[in-house]
Each structure stands twice: as structure tokens, then as C-alpha cells.
Protein backbone atom coordinates (compact mmCIF):
# COMPACT_ATOMS: atom_id res chain seq x y z
CA MET A 1 41.43 -13.74 16.34
CA PRO A 2 43.15 -10.61 14.42
CA LYS A 3 40.49 -7.61 14.40
CA LEU A 4 39.05 -6.87 11.07
CA PRO A 5 39.50 -3.07 9.42
CA LEU A 6 36.43 -1.09 9.82
CA SER A 7 37.19 1.17 6.47
CA HIS A 8 37.91 -2.34 4.63
CA CYS A 9 34.84 -4.19 5.53
CA THR A 10 32.37 -0.89 5.21
CA GLY A 11 33.96 -0.46 2.20
CA GLN A 12 33.35 -3.65 0.22
CA ILE A 13 29.79 -4.16 1.66
CA GLU A 14 28.90 -0.23 -0.03
CA ARG A 15 30.56 -1.27 -2.92
CA MET A 16 28.61 -4.96 -3.55
CA LEU A 17 25.18 -3.66 -2.46
CA GLY A 18 25.15 -0.07 -3.20
CA SER A 19 24.85 -0.89 -6.61
CA ARG A 20 21.66 -3.17 -5.92
CA MET A 21 19.76 -0.61 -4.10
CA ARG A 22 20.07 1.97 -6.60
CA GLU A 23 17.89 -0.22 -8.61
CA HIS A 24 15.73 -1.65 -5.89
CA GLU A 25 14.82 0.05 -3.11
CA PHE A 26 13.62 -2.66 -0.96
CA VAL A 27 15.20 -6.14 -0.52
CA VAL A 28 11.71 -8.11 -0.27
CA GLN A 29 12.44 -12.15 0.37
CA ARG A 30 15.87 -13.80 1.32
CA GLY A 31 15.61 -16.02 -1.75
CA GLU A 32 18.27 -18.59 -0.34
CA GLU A 33 18.49 -21.37 2.69
CA LEU A 34 21.21 -19.95 5.47
CA SER A 35 23.77 -22.58 4.23
CA GLN A 36 23.46 -21.56 0.78
CA VAL A 37 23.70 -17.56 2.09
CA VAL A 38 27.09 -18.84 3.86
CA LEU A 39 28.75 -20.35 0.58
CA ALA A 40 27.47 -17.56 -1.60
CA PHE A 41 28.73 -15.00 0.84
CA VAL A 42 31.52 -15.75 2.87
CA ASN A 43 34.40 -14.57 0.52
CA THR A 44 32.35 -11.75 -0.85
CA PHE A 45 32.79 -9.23 2.00
CA CYS A 46 35.87 -8.86 4.66
CA LEU A 47 35.16 -12.44 5.80
CA SER A 48 36.77 -16.06 5.73
CA LEU A 49 36.22 -19.05 7.29
CA GLU A 50 37.96 -18.38 10.29
CA TYR A 51 35.54 -15.42 11.42
CA LEU A 52 32.40 -18.11 11.18
CA ARG A 53 32.03 -17.72 14.88
CA SER A 54 31.70 -14.10 14.76
CA MET A 55 29.76 -13.32 11.91
CA ARG A 56 26.37 -12.13 12.50
CA PHE A 57 22.89 -12.70 9.98
CA CYS A 58 21.32 -9.91 8.51
CA GLU A 59 17.22 -10.41 7.84
CA TYR A 60 17.21 -7.99 5.35
CA PHE A 61 20.24 -8.92 3.25
CA GLY A 62 19.84 -12.47 3.67
CA CYS A 63 23.72 -12.70 4.32
CA PHE A 64 26.67 -12.69 6.69
CA PHE A 65 28.34 -9.20 7.84
CA CYS A 66 30.80 -9.26 10.95
CA CYS A 67 30.54 -7.84 14.12
CA THR A 68 31.54 -4.58 13.18
CA CYS A 69 29.07 -4.16 10.18
CA HIS A 70 26.81 -6.05 12.42
CA THR A 71 26.12 -4.48 15.99
CA ASN A 72 22.59 -6.75 16.11
CA THR A 73 20.43 -3.19 15.22
CA LEU A 74 16.32 -4.45 15.60
CA MET A 75 14.27 -3.75 12.71
CA VAL A 76 10.70 -4.33 11.12
CA VAL A 77 11.89 -5.99 7.92
CA PRO A 78 9.94 -5.28 4.79
CA GLY A 79 10.14 -8.50 3.37
CA ALA A 80 8.43 -10.38 6.90
CA VAL A 81 5.69 -7.47 6.57
CA LEU A 82 4.64 -8.18 3.30
CA TYR A 83 4.98 -11.99 3.20
CA HIS A 84 3.88 -13.27 6.44
CA TRP A 85 2.35 -9.60 8.00
CA SER A 86 4.99 -10.25 10.90
CA PHE A 87 6.20 -6.77 12.82
CA LEU A 88 8.46 -8.65 14.90
CA MET A 89 12.33 -6.65 15.37
CA LEU A 90 14.58 -8.80 13.55
CA PRO A 91 18.44 -8.06 13.59
CA VAL A 92 20.47 -6.21 10.86
CA SER A 93 23.39 -4.85 9.48
CA ASN A 94 24.23 -1.23 10.29
CA PHE A 95 24.11 -0.94 6.45
CA ALA A 96 20.43 -1.91 6.50
CA ARG A 97 19.40 0.07 9.29
CA ASP A 98 20.66 3.10 7.46
CA ILE A 99 19.14 2.14 4.43
CA LEU A 100 15.55 1.04 6.43
CA CYS A 101 15.79 4.21 8.28
CA ARG A 102 16.40 6.27 5.26
CA LEU A 103 13.31 4.64 3.37
CA HIS A 104 10.90 3.81 6.09
CA SER A 105 8.25 6.72 5.65
CA ARG A 106 8.49 6.80 1.87
CA PRO A 107 5.62 5.56 -0.18
CA LEU A 108 7.95 2.78 -2.22
CA ILE A 109 5.69 -0.29 -1.63
CA HIS A 110 2.77 -1.41 -4.07
CA LEU A 111 -0.12 -3.67 -3.35
CA ALA A 112 1.06 -6.10 -5.79
CA ASP A 113 4.14 -6.48 -3.49
CA PHE A 114 2.17 -8.02 -1.28
CA GLN A 115 1.46 -11.96 -0.72
CA SER A 116 -2.08 -12.44 -1.61
CA ASN A 117 -3.02 -14.48 1.63
CA VAL A 118 -1.85 -11.52 3.86
CA LEU A 119 -4.35 -9.22 1.47
CA LYS A 120 -7.14 -11.67 2.12
CA ARG A 121 -6.25 -12.76 5.36
CA GLU A 122 -5.73 -9.25 7.42
CA HIS A 123 -8.55 -7.40 8.10
CA ALA A 124 -7.00 -4.32 9.34
CA LEU A 125 -5.17 -4.19 6.21
CA ARG A 126 -7.96 -4.06 4.32
CA ASP A 127 -10.07 -1.99 6.04
CA ALA A 128 -7.09 0.73 5.58
CA ILE A 129 -6.87 -0.31 1.82
CA GLU A 130 -10.33 0.42 1.37
CA LEU A 131 -10.46 3.75 3.70
CA ARG A 132 -7.38 5.58 1.31
CA ARG A 133 -9.19 4.08 -1.89
CA GLN A 134 -12.84 5.70 -0.22
CA ALA A 135 -10.47 9.20 0.58
CA SER A 136 -8.77 8.94 -3.30
CA ARG A 137 -12.58 9.36 -4.60
CA MET A 138 -13.14 12.60 -2.54
CA TYR A 139 -13.87 15.68 -5.12
CA ALA A 140 -12.14 18.83 -5.46
CA CYS A 141 -13.15 20.90 -3.36
CA ALA A 142 -13.62 17.85 -0.54
CA THR A 143 -9.85 16.95 -0.50
CA LYS A 144 -8.74 19.95 0.72
CA LYS A 145 -9.71 18.64 4.42
CA LEU A 146 -7.54 16.04 3.75
CA GLU A 147 -4.30 18.61 3.53
CA ARG A 148 -3.43 17.39 7.06
CA LEU A 149 -2.87 13.57 5.68
CA PRO A 150 0.06 12.78 4.14
CA SER A 151 -0.38 13.21 0.34
CA HIS A 152 -0.10 9.88 -0.85
CA TRP A 153 -2.78 8.69 1.37
CA TYR A 154 -5.58 10.08 -0.46
CA ALA A 155 -3.75 10.39 -3.96
CA SER A 156 -4.11 6.60 -4.19
CA ALA A 157 -4.21 3.33 -2.55
CA ASP A 158 -1.64 1.93 -4.22
CA ASN A 159 1.51 3.20 -2.48
CA TRP A 160 2.58 2.17 1.18
CA SER A 161 5.54 3.11 3.59
CA LEU A 162 6.78 0.91 5.86
CA ALA A 163 5.77 3.27 8.20
CA ASP A 164 2.19 3.31 6.85
CA LEU A 165 1.79 -0.52 7.59
CA CYS A 166 3.43 -0.26 11.39
CA ALA A 167 0.50 2.14 11.77
CA VAL A 168 -2.01 -0.08 10.30
CA ALA A 169 -1.35 -2.45 12.42
CA GLN A 170 -1.02 -0.73 15.25
CA GLY A 171 -4.59 0.96 14.33
CA SER A 172 -3.34 4.67 14.28
CA LEU A 173 -3.79 4.80 10.37
CA SER A 174 -7.57 3.97 10.06
CA ILE A 175 -8.49 5.96 12.81
CA ARG A 176 -6.99 8.99 11.44
CA LEU A 177 -8.31 7.95 7.87
CA ARG A 178 -11.77 7.97 9.80
CA GLN A 179 -11.19 10.95 11.22
CA ALA A 180 -10.55 12.83 8.18
CA LEU A 181 -13.12 11.27 5.93
CA GLU A 182 -16.34 12.14 8.36
CA PRO A 183 -16.21 15.94 7.89
CA CYS A 184 -15.63 15.06 4.08
CA VAL A 185 -19.13 13.07 3.46
CA GLU A 186 -20.75 15.29 5.57
CA HIS A 187 -19.43 18.24 3.56
CA LEU A 188 -20.79 16.16 0.35
CA SER A 189 -24.32 15.62 1.84
CA THR A 190 -24.60 19.44 2.15
CA CYS A 191 -22.96 20.65 -0.69
CA LEU A 192 -24.59 21.23 -3.63
CA ARG A 193 -21.90 21.30 -6.24
CA CYS A 194 -20.26 17.77 -4.86
CA LYS A 195 -24.62 15.90 -4.56
CA ALA A 196 -25.07 17.01 -8.18
CA ARG A 197 -21.97 14.50 -8.93
CA GLY A 198 -23.29 11.71 -6.72
CA PHE A 199 -24.95 8.73 -8.63
CA LEU A 200 -28.32 7.77 -8.27
CA CYS A 201 -29.17 3.81 -8.42
CA GLU A 202 -30.17 2.06 -11.55
CA VAL A 203 -31.58 -0.70 -9.98
CA CYS A 204 -34.42 0.90 -7.80
CA HIS A 205 -34.54 4.28 -9.07
CA THR A 206 -35.26 5.65 -6.07
CA GLY A 207 -33.34 6.96 -2.91
CA ARG A 208 -31.06 9.90 -1.96
CA VAL A 209 -27.92 10.24 -4.14
CA LEU A 210 -25.39 7.26 -3.53
CA PHE A 211 -21.41 8.13 -3.18
CA PRO A 212 -18.74 5.56 -3.32
CA PHE A 213 -17.70 6.09 0.04
CA GLY A 214 -19.41 6.68 3.99
CA GLN A 215 -22.12 4.44 3.00
CA VAL A 216 -22.14 0.95 4.45
CA ASN A 217 -25.77 0.46 2.26
CA THR A 218 -23.74 1.43 -1.10
CA VAL A 219 -21.95 -1.18 -3.21
CA VAL A 220 -19.49 0.22 -5.68
CA CYS A 221 -18.94 -1.24 -9.26
CA VAL A 222 -15.33 -2.10 -9.48
CA ASP A 223 -15.03 -1.49 -13.05
CA CYS A 224 -17.21 1.82 -14.02
CA GLY A 225 -17.43 2.99 -10.42
CA ALA A 226 -21.30 3.16 -10.49
CA CYS A 227 -22.99 3.04 -6.71
CA PHE A 228 -25.72 0.77 -5.62
CA HIS A 229 -28.20 -0.16 -2.65
CA ARG A 230 -26.77 -3.08 -1.29
CA ALA A 231 -29.98 -4.41 -1.09
CA CYS A 232 -30.86 -3.76 -4.71
CA LEU A 233 -28.18 -6.30 -5.93
CA SER A 234 -27.68 -9.88 -4.67
CA ARG A 235 -23.77 -9.45 -5.14
CA PRO A 236 -20.71 -6.91 -5.43
CA PRO A 237 -21.38 -5.69 -9.03
CA THR A 238 -18.67 -6.61 -11.73
CA ALA A 239 -18.14 -5.78 -15.43
CA GLU A 240 -20.02 -8.70 -15.94
CA SER A 241 -23.34 -8.16 -13.61
CA CYS A 242 -23.43 -4.26 -13.53
CA PRO A 243 -26.63 -2.31 -15.07
CA ARG A 244 -24.49 0.49 -15.74
CA CYS A 245 -21.81 -1.89 -17.79
CA LEU A 246 -24.53 -3.71 -19.54
CA ARG A 247 -26.21 -0.91 -20.93
CA ARG A 248 -23.45 0.55 -21.78
CA ARG A 249 -22.28 -2.93 -23.61
CA ARG A 250 -25.76 -3.17 -25.61
CA VAL A 251 -25.34 0.37 -27.18
CA PRO A 252 -21.91 -0.18 -28.79
CA GLY A 253 -19.61 3.74 -28.71
CA SER A 254 -22.11 5.02 -26.64
CA SER A 255 -19.69 4.86 -23.22
CA SER A 256 -17.33 8.40 -24.14
CA GLU A 257 -20.88 9.72 -24.83
CA GLU A 258 -22.43 9.09 -21.92
CA GLU A 259 -19.73 9.96 -19.52
CA GLU A 260 -20.25 13.44 -21.47
CA GLU A 261 -23.42 13.73 -20.74
CA GLU A 262 -23.28 12.65 -17.77
CA PHE A 263 -20.40 15.20 -16.49
CA ILE A 264 -22.40 18.14 -18.26
CA THR A 265 -25.64 17.18 -16.51
CA GLY A 266 -24.23 16.49 -13.19
CA THR A 267 -26.14 13.35 -12.59
CA TRP A 268 -22.94 11.19 -12.27
CA CYS A 269 -19.25 10.83 -10.38
CA LEU A 270 -16.89 10.40 -12.69
CA VAL A 271 -14.34 8.09 -10.60
CA ALA A 272 -10.81 8.30 -10.96
């Protein structure tokens, strides 16, 4: 069997796939059956049917490569994580290996990219998402205590890197976040500036100031961010059941004025 020219093979691959990767950083799903991929890609690169026995399948791009461009490197594939929460090391081409290594620590994955069943089923992932949401709600003077963490961890709970997801599966991400959040919660309970921006339960109007993080007896409205005692509500508050949201709707046009007054008086915390 004649040997494939290395420069011709890699050049063809980079020309065909380079433009695609500039538009989409991650190829998430295979999208076609194995037999269809062979027919679609076998003549696209430097291969022909005579090389069928020596071709190797790339689990990242979903197509075949020659043994020169595919040396059986094993990597975690984003599509397997997002759709099946699988961190098995799968064989990828050298070109895919280089892309995955370069993008491994970049927060390019969004929560909307996950299969819905993965978000419902994986408790470790949901726990990490909630911890990052809590970190993103920290106030200015407490946020300084989080600076040792990657900035996207406390800037938003939506952006994730493949390295973050591997850390979630290993349990190390939640441990780091909890260790960073504990002193922040202690700070909020003693800092007058932060304490003045907490919430009072609008159901019982009693008890200590509530914050949308670090308190197991507290529930938070996903619409307005108000906090309530868990025992005061029969179910987690929503826009249809939250006392604060209902009160706002009863008085049309009062929302912006109320937010401004609450911010000035320091009675409520405006959660970003």
C-alpha cells in the first residue's frame, strides 16, 4: 500500500475544517450514522476506498482520517459530555486533539448546550451551577475574596469550559467553590454595608436578614430575586406565586420606583 504524503493530508484537513472551526469552536454532535460518514468524507480528504482498512474514526469530527493524521490519541469529547455526561477517553484525530487542547480551559460552553436530561439527572452538575450562581450574587466587597478563582466562575453561571466540567465530575470544582464561599458568607453576616442590602421575608416579616446564598432555610424567587424562609412557602416562589412579584403587579408602574427606594434605604438587595 503506498504511503500517504503527510503535507498533502494535513493540508486538505486544515482547509476543509479550518473555516468550520472559526465559526463554531466546538463540534457538539456527530449528526450522521457511521456508514453515511464514510460515504460523505471518504473522498473529501486524501483518502480513497483502497485505504478503508487503515482509516481511523475521529469521535470529535465524526469522520475518518488516515493513520498519519490520526494516531489514536484519547481525549474527552465535548459532545459526549453535553449529551450523555460521559467522560470516557475517546479516539480523536491529531487535528481534533490540537483544537481540544487549545480550547480545554476556555469557557465556551453554555448551559443551553446541555441535553435537558443531563441537567435534570446529574446532581453534581446542578450543585455546581447553584454554587456559581451564589458566587455571582456576591456583593462588591465580598467579591474580592473570590479573586483566586477563575473570573468566569463568579461572573456568571452560564459559561463553562471543558476543564470545569471535568472538575465537576471529579468533585473538585464544588469543593473549591464551597471553600471560597464560606468566608464570603461570614463576611456578609458581619459587614453592615452588605447586611443592609439583604432581604426580609415578606411572608412573616420576622427573623434575620436573608441572602440568596449560603442559607439552607432560604428560597429565592427566580424572577425578582427576593428571599423568603423556606418554611413560609409551600413551594419555591415563581413570578405567579412570589409575594413581592404579586405586590408589584397590583400597583402598576411601581416596580422601578420601588427598586430605587429599596436600593437607597438598603432594605433589599438588587441581584444582578
